[in-house]
Amino acid sequence: MTHLIETRTPARPKRPFFLRRGPMETIATVLIGLGFIMLFQPFLLLLYTYSLVTLLAGTVMFIIVSKFPE
């Protein structure tokens, strides 16, 4: 008679927040939206000045984060 022993596979450690794909894609998308709003608002020149930088940062962040594993 053989006895079957159940062995558990070790649980993978949870990734830190800044290495998870889902939350970081959300942050990148919000950053792109913020840059878009900054670009088309007619009130403050300072917001308009940094809108392109914000858009580019969000786009680059989204491209990099989309390569992360799920």
PDB file of N, CA and C in Angstrom:
ATOM      1  N   MET A   1       0.822  -1.166   0.000  1.00  0.00           N
ATOM      2  CA  MET A   1       0.000   0.000   0.000  1.00  0.00           C
ATOM      3  C   MET A   1       0.884   1.254   0.000  1.00  0.00           C
ATOM      4  N   THR A   2       0.557   2.171  -0.846  1.00  0.00           N
ATOM      5  CA  THR A   2       1.351   3.395  -0.885  1.00  0.00           C
ATOM      6  C   THR A   2       0.554   4.523  -0.267  1.00  0.00           C
ATOM      7  N   HIS A   3       1.224   5.362   0.391  1.00  0.00           N
ATOM      8  CA  HIS A   3       0.593   6.527   1.003  1.00  0.00           C
ATOM      9  C   HIS A   3       0.930   7.755   0.159  1.00  0.00           C
ATOM     10  N   LEU A   4      -0.103   8.458  -0.204  1.00  0.00           N
ATOM     11  CA  LEU A   4       0.100   9.671  -0.975  1.00  0.00           C
ATOM     12  C   LEU A   4       0.269  10.847  -0.027  1.00  0.00           C
ATOM     13  N   ILE A   5       1.303  11.567  -0.226  1.00  0.00           N
ATOM     14  CA  ILE A   5       1.562  12.735   0.604  1.00  0.00           C
ATOM     15  C   ILE A   5       1.351  13.972  -0.254  1.00  0.00           C
ATOM     16  N   GLU A   6       0.490  14.841   0.230  1.00  0.00           N
ATOM     17  CA  GLU A   6       0.252  16.075  -0.503  1.00  0.00           C
ATOM     18  C   GLU A   6       1.332  17.089  -0.152  1.00  0.00           C
ATOM     19  N   THR A   7       1.942  17.598  -1.175  1.00  0.00           N
ATOM     20  CA  THR A   7       2.923  18.653  -0.954  1.00  0.00           C
ATOM     21  C   THR A   7       2.412  19.911  -1.620  1.00  0.00           C
ATOM     22  N   ARG A   8       2.519  20.975  -0.907  1.00  0.00           N
ATOM     23  CA  ARG A   8       2.083  22.257  -1.447  1.00  0.00           C
ATOM     24  C   ARG A   8       3.245  22.916  -2.175  1.00  0.00           C
ATOM     25  N   THR A   9       2.913  23.551  -3.264  1.00  0.00           N
ATOM     26  CA  THR A   9       3.936  24.339  -3.934  1.00  0.00           C
ATOM     27  C   THR A   9       4.070  25.643  -3.161  1.00  0.00           C
ATOM     28  N   PRO A  10       5.268  26.104  -2.979  1.00  0.00           N
ATOM     29  CA  PRO A  10       5.430  27.345  -2.201  1.00  0.00           C
ATOM     30  C   PRO A  10       4.749  28.509  -2.912  1.00  0.00           C
ATOM     31  N   ALA A  11       4.027  29.301  -2.146  1.00  0.00           N
ATOM     32  CA  ALA A  11       3.322  30.450  -2.706  1.00  0.00           C
ATOM     33  C   ALA A  11       4.340  31.487  -3.151  1.00  0.00           C
ATOM     34  N   ARG A  12       4.086  32.042  -4.322  1.00  0.00           N
ATOM     35  CA  ARG A  12       4.972  33.081  -4.820  1.00  0.00           C
ATOM     36  C   ARG A  12       4.785  34.339  -3.983  1.00  0.00           C
ATOM     37  N   PRO A  13       5.865  34.974  -3.635  1.00  0.00           N
ATOM     38  CA  PRO A  13       5.716  36.205  -2.844  1.00  0.00           C
ATOM     39  C   PRO A  13       5.021  37.280  -3.674  1.00  0.00           C
ATOM     40  N   LYS A  14       4.223  38.061  -3.006  1.00  0.00           N
ATOM     41  CA  LYS A  14       3.487  39.118  -3.682  1.00  0.00           C
ATOM     42  C   LYS A  14       4.454  40.226  -4.102  1.00  0.00           C
ATOM     43  N   ARG A  15       4.280  40.705  -5.304  1.00  0.00           N
ATOM     44  CA  ARG A  15       5.151  41.761  -5.813  1.00  0.00           C
ATOM     45  C   ARG A  15       4.831  43.082  -5.131  1.00  0.00           C
ATOM     46  N   PRO A  16       5.827  43.937  -5.005  1.00  0.00           N
ATOM     47  CA  PRO A  16       5.555  45.272  -4.464  1.00  0.00           C
ATOM     48  C   PRO A  16       4.616  46.047  -5.385  1.00  0.00           C
ATOM     49  N   PHE A  17       3.979  47.064  -4.855  1.00  0.00           N
ATOM     50  CA  PHE A  17       2.982  47.831  -5.597  1.00  0.00           C
ATOM     51  C   PHE A  17       3.539  48.394  -6.901  1.00  0.00           C
ATOM     52  N   PHE A  18       4.775  48.907  -6.858  1.00  0.00           N
ATOM     53  CA  PHE A  18       5.321  49.557  -8.041  1.00  0.00           C
ATOM     54  C   PHE A  18       5.786  48.563  -9.103  1.00  0.00           C
ATOM     55  N   LEU A  19       5.693  47.262  -8.842  1.00  0.00           N
ATOM     56  CA  LEU A  19       6.033  46.265  -9.850  1.00  0.00           C
ATOM     57  C   LEU A  19       4.818  45.487 -10.348  1.00  0.00           C
ATOM     58  N   ARG A  20       3.640  45.871  -9.936  1.00  0.00           N
ATOM     59  CA  ARG A  20       2.424  45.202 -10.405  1.00  0.00           C
ATOM     60  C   ARG A  20       1.887  45.919 -11.626  1.00  0.00           C
ATOM     61  N   ARG A  21       1.442  45.139 -12.584  1.00  0.00           N
ATOM     62  CA  ARG A  21       1.015  45.708 -13.855  1.00  0.00           C
ATOM     63  C   ARG A  21      -0.281  46.493 -13.760  1.00  0.00           C
ATOM     64  N   GLY A  22      -1.286  45.947 -13.122  1.00  0.00           N
ATOM     65  CA  GLY A  22      -2.604  46.577 -13.077  1.00  0.00           C
ATOM     66  C   GLY A  22      -2.613  47.976 -12.488  1.00  0.00           C
ATOM     67  N   PRO A  23      -2.132  48.147 -11.262  1.00  0.00           N
ATOM     68  CA  PRO A  23      -2.147  49.488 -10.663  1.00  0.00           C
ATOM     69  C   PRO A  23      -1.268  50.488 -11.411  1.00  0.00           C
ATOM     70  N   MET A  24      -0.136  50.029 -11.917  1.00  0.00           N
ATOM     71  CA  MET A  24       0.756  50.949 -12.610  1.00  0.00           C
ATOM     72  C   MET A  24       0.189  51.374 -13.968  1.00  0.00           C
ATOM     73  N   GLU A  25      -0.530  50.480 -14.646  1.00  0.00           N
ATOM     74  CA  GLU A  25      -1.204  50.884 -15.887  1.00  0.00           C
ATOM     75  C   GLU A  25      -2.280  51.922 -15.592  1.00  0.00           C
ATOM     76  N   THR A  26      -2.970  51.761 -14.476  1.00  0.00           N
ATOM     77  CA  THR A  26      -3.985  52.737 -14.094  1.00  0.00           C
ATOM     78  C   THR A  26      -3.350  54.101 -13.821  1.00  0.00           C
ATOM     79  N   ILE A  27      -2.233  54.108 -13.118  1.00  0.00           N
ATOM     80  CA  ILE A  27      -1.544  55.368 -12.834  1.00  0.00           C
ATOM     81  C   ILE A  27      -1.056  56.015 -14.131  1.00  0.00           C
ATOM     82  N   ALA A  28      -0.525  55.214 -15.043  1.00  0.00           N
ATOM     83  CA  ALA A  28      -0.050  55.758 -16.321  1.00  0.00           C
ATOM     84  C   ALA A  28      -1.207  56.338 -17.124  1.00  0.00           C
ATOM     85  N   THR A  29      -2.351  55.666 -17.123  1.00  0.00           N
ATOM     86  CA  THR A  29      -3.515  56.160 -17.849  1.00  0.00           C
ATOM     87  C   THR A  29      -4.018  57.464 -17.247  1.00  0.00           C
ATOM     88  N   VAL A  30      -4.032  57.549 -15.931  1.00  0.00           N
ATOM     89  CA  VAL A  30      -4.449  58.791 -15.267  1.00  0.00           C
ATOM     90  C   VAL A  30      -3.473  59.916 -15.597  1.00  0.00           C
ATOM     91  N   LEU A  31      -2.196  59.605 -15.654  1.00  0.00           N
ATOM     92  CA  LEU A  31      -1.191  60.601 -16.004  1.00  0.00           C
ATOM     93  C   LEU A  31      -1.387  61.115 -17.433  1.00  0.00           C
ATOM     94  N   ILE A  32      -1.709  60.227 -18.355  1.00  0.00           N
ATOM     95  CA  ILE A  32      -1.991  60.640 -19.731  1.00  0.00           C
ATOM     96  C   ILE A  32      -3.229  61.527 -19.771  1.00  0.00           C
ATOM     97  N   GLY A  33      -4.268  61.142 -19.059  1.00  0.00           N
ATOM     98  CA  GLY A  33      -5.486  61.962 -19.005  1.00  0.00           C
ATOM     99  C   GLY A  33      -5.236  63.320 -18.379  1.00  0.00           C
ATOM    100  N   LEU A  34      -4.424  63.363 -17.345  1.00  0.00           N
ATOM    101  CA  LEU A  34      -4.087  64.627 -16.704  1.00  0.00           C
ATOM    102  C   LEU A  34      -3.327  65.538 -17.668  1.00  0.00           C
ATOM    103  N   GLY A  35      -2.399  64.960 -18.418  1.00  0.00           N
ATOM    104  CA  GLY A  35      -1.667  65.745 -19.412  1.00  0.00           C
ATOM    105  C   GLY A  35      -2.580  66.283 -20.494  1.00  0.00           C
ATOM    106  N   PHE A  36      -3.558  65.484 -20.899  1.00  0.00           N
ATOM    107  CA  PHE A  36      -4.527  65.920 -21.910  1.00  0.00           C
ATOM    108  C   PHE A  36      -5.370  67.087 -21.388  1.00  0.00           C
ATOM    109  N   ILE A  37      -5.827  66.985 -20.149  1.00  0.00           N
ATOM    110  CA  ILE A  37      -6.620  68.069 -19.548  1.00  0.00           C
ATOM    111  C   ILE A  37      -5.760  69.327 -19.401  1.00  0.00           C
ATOM    112  N   MET A  38      -4.509  69.147 -19.001  1.00  0.00           N
ATOM    113  CA  MET A  38      -3.609  70.295 -18.872  1.00  0.00           C
ATOM    114  C   MET A  38      -3.382  70.977 -20.218  1.00  0.00           C
ATOM    115  N   LEU A  39      -3.354  70.200 -21.281  1.00  0.00           N
ATOM    116  CA  LEU A  39      -3.107  70.747 -22.612  1.00  0.00           C
ATOM    117  C   LEU A  39      -4.266  71.598 -23.104  1.00  0.00           C
ATOM    118  N   PHE A  40      -5.489  71.215 -22.777  1.00  0.00           N
ATOM    119  CA  PHE A  40      -6.658  71.885 -23.335  1.00  0.00           C
ATOM    120  C   PHE A  40      -7.384  72.807 -22.358  1.00  0.00           C
ATOM    121  N   GLN A  41      -6.776  73.126 -21.235  1.00  0.00           N
ATOM    122  CA  GLN A  41      -7.405  74.062 -20.313  1.00  0.00           C
ATOM    123  C   GLN A  41      -6.962  75.484 -20.681  1.00  0.00           C
ATOM    124  N   PRO A  42      -7.860  76.462 -20.572  1.00  0.00           N
ATOM    125  CA  PRO A  42      -7.511  77.823 -20.993  1.00  0.00           C
ATOM    126  C   PRO A  42      -7.117  78.772 -19.851  1.00  0.00           C
ATOM    127  N   PHE A  43      -6.832  78.258 -18.658  1.00  0.00           N
ATOM    128  CA  PHE A  43      -6.695  79.136 -17.501  1.00  0.00           C
ATOM    129  C   PHE A  43      -5.255  79.445 -17.114  1.00  0.00           C
ATOM    130  N   LEU A  44      -4.428  78.452 -16.978  1.00  0.00           N
ATOM    131  CA  LEU A  44      -3.071  78.656 -16.465  1.00  0.00           C
ATOM    132  C   LEU A  44      -2.026  78.263 -17.508  1.00  0.00           C
ATOM    133  N   LEU A  45      -1.147  79.185 -17.814  1.00  0.00           N
ATOM    134  CA  LEU A  45      -0.082  78.921 -18.773  1.00  0.00           C
ATOM    135  C   LEU A  45       0.909  77.896 -18.223  1.00  0.00           C
ATOM    136  N   LEU A  46       1.092  77.880 -16.906  1.00  0.00           N
ATOM    137  CA  LEU A  46       2.020  76.931 -16.290  1.00  0.00           C
ATOM    138  C   LEU A  46       1.574  75.485 -16.542  1.00  0.00           C
ATOM    139  N   LEU A  47       0.265  75.212 -16.416  1.00  0.00           N
ATOM    140  CA  LEU A  47      -0.235  73.865 -16.688  1.00  0.00           C
ATOM    141  C   LEU A  47      -0.029  73.499 -18.153  1.00  0.00           C
ATOM    142  N   TYR A  48      -0.273  74.454 -19.034  1.00  0.00           N
ATOM    143  CA  TYR A  48      -0.078  74.217 -20.466  1.00  0.00           C
ATOM    144  C   TYR A  48       1.397  73.932 -20.757  1.00  0.00           C
ATOM    145  N   THR A  49       2.286  74.624 -20.064  1.00  0.00           N
ATOM    146  CA  THR A  49       3.720  74.457 -20.290  1.00  0.00           C
ATOM    147  C   THR A  49       4.178  73.035 -19.986  1.00  0.00           C
ATOM    148  N   TYR A  50       3.662  72.443 -18.915  1.00  0.00           N
ATOM    149  CA  TYR A  50       4.095  71.103 -18.516  1.00  0.00           C
ATOM    150  C   TYR A  50       3.190  69.989 -19.034  1.00  0.00           C
ATOM    151  N   SER A  51       2.237  70.305 -19.873  1.00  0.00           N
ATOM    152  CA  SER A  51       1.305  69.284 -20.354  1.00  0.00           C
ATOM    153  C   SER A  51       1.985  68.259 -21.254  1.00  0.00           C
ATOM    154  N   LEU A  52       2.861  68.699 -22.137  1.00  0.00           N
ATOM    155  CA  LEU A  52       3.531  67.756 -23.038  1.00  0.00           C
ATOM    156  C   LEU A  52       4.444  66.823 -22.263  1.00  0.00           C
ATOM    157  N   VAL A  53       5.135  67.354 -21.270  1.00  0.00           N
ATOM    158  CA  VAL A  53       6.011  66.517 -20.437  1.00  0.00           C
ATOM    159  C   VAL A  53       5.180  65.468 -19.704  1.00  0.00           C
ATOM    160  N   THR A  54       4.020  65.872 -19.199  1.00  0.00           N
ATOM    161  CA  THR A  54       3.143  64.943 -18.489  1.00  0.00           C
ATOM    162  C   THR A  54       2.613  63.869 -19.424  1.00  0.00           C
ATOM    163  N   LEU A  55       2.197  64.261 -20.628  1.00  0.00           N
ATOM    164  CA  LEU A  55       1.727  63.290 -21.616  1.00  0.00           C
ATOM    165  C   LEU A  55       2.823  62.288 -21.980  1.00  0.00           C
ATOM    166  N   LEU A  56       4.001  62.789 -22.233  1.00  0.00           N
ATOM    167  CA  LEU A  56       5.105  61.903 -22.609  1.00  0.00           C
ATOM    168  C   LEU A  56       5.496  60.971 -21.463  1.00  0.00           C
ATOM    169  N   ALA A  57       5.509  61.483 -20.244  1.00  0.00           N
ATOM    170  CA  ALA A  57       5.848  60.639 -19.092  1.00  0.00           C
ATOM    171  C   ALA A  57       4.820  59.521 -18.915  1.00  0.00           C
ATOM    172  N   GLY A  58       3.538  59.867 -19.061  1.00  0.00           N
ATOM    173  CA  GLY A  58       2.495  58.851 -18.946  1.00  0.00           C
ATOM    174  C   GLY A  58       2.576  57.816 -20.063  1.00  0.00           C
ATOM    175  N   THR A  59       2.877  58.263 -21.271  1.00  0.00           N
ATOM    176  CA  THR A  59       2.975  57.338 -22.408  1.00  0.00           C
ATOM    177  C   THR A  59       4.158  56.393 -22.254  1.00  0.00           C
ATOM    178  N   VAL A  60       5.307  56.934 -21.893  1.00  0.00           N
ATOM    179  CA  VAL A  60       6.494  56.093 -21.695  1.00  0.00           C
ATOM    180  C   VAL A  60       6.272  55.126 -20.541  1.00  0.00           C
ATOM    181  N   MET A  61       5.653  55.607 -19.481  1.00  0.00           N
ATOM    182  CA  MET A  61       5.356  54.740 -18.341  1.00  0.00           C
ATOM    183  C   MET A  61       4.426  53.606 -18.748  1.00  0.00           C
ATOM    184  N   PHE A  62       3.411  53.909 -19.552  1.00  0.00           N
ATOM    185  CA  PHE A  62       2.481  52.878 -19.981  1.00  0.00           C
ATOM    186  C   PHE A  62       3.182  51.844 -20.853  1.00  0.00           C
ATOM    187  N   ILE A  63       4.053  52.290 -21.743  1.00  0.00           N
ATOM    188  CA  ILE A  63       4.780  51.354 -22.612  1.00  0.00           C
ATOM    189  C   ILE A  63       5.663  50.429 -21.784  1.00  0.00           C
ATOM    190  N   ILE A  64       6.360  50.979 -20.796  1.00  0.00           N
ATOM    191  CA  ILE A  64       7.242  50.160 -19.963  1.00  0.00           C
ATOM    192  C   ILE A  64       6.439  49.208 -19.092  1.00  0.00           C
ATOM    193  N   VAL A  65       5.384  49.707 -18.460  1.00  0.00           N
ATOM    194  CA  VAL A  65       4.595  48.891 -17.530  1.00  0.00           C
ATOM    195  C   VAL A  65       3.831  47.792 -18.257  1.00  0.00           C
ATOM    196  N   SER A  66       3.465  48.013 -19.503  1.00  0.00           N
ATOM    197  CA  SER A  66       2.714  46.985 -20.224  1.00  0.00           C
ATOM    198  C   SER A  66       3.564  45.753 -20.508  1.00  0.00           C
ATOM    199  N   LYS A  67       4.868  45.842 -20.302  1.00  0.00           N
ATOM    200  CA  LYS A  67       5.759  44.684 -20.466  1.00  0.00           C
ATOM    201  C   LYS A  67       5.864  43.857 -19.194  1.00  0.00           C
ATOM    202  N   PHE A  68       5.376  44.367 -18.073  1.00  0.00           N
ATOM    203  CA  PHE A  68       5.444  43.638 -16.804  1.00  0.00           C
ATOM    204  C   PHE A  68       4.554  42.400 -16.875  1.00  0.00           C
ATOM    205  N   PRO A  69       4.929  41.329 -16.159  1.00  0.00           N
ATOM    206  CA  PRO A  69       4.041  40.162 -16.091  1.00  0.00           C
ATOM    207  C   PRO A  69       2.799  40.486 -15.272  1.00  0.00           C
ATOM    208  N   GLU A  70       1.746  39.722 -15.500  1.00  0.00           N
ATOM    209  CA  GLU A  70       0.476  39.954 -14.787  1.00  0.00           C
ATOM    210  C   GLU A  70       0.641  39.787 -13.303  1.00  0.00           C
TER     211      GLU A  70
END
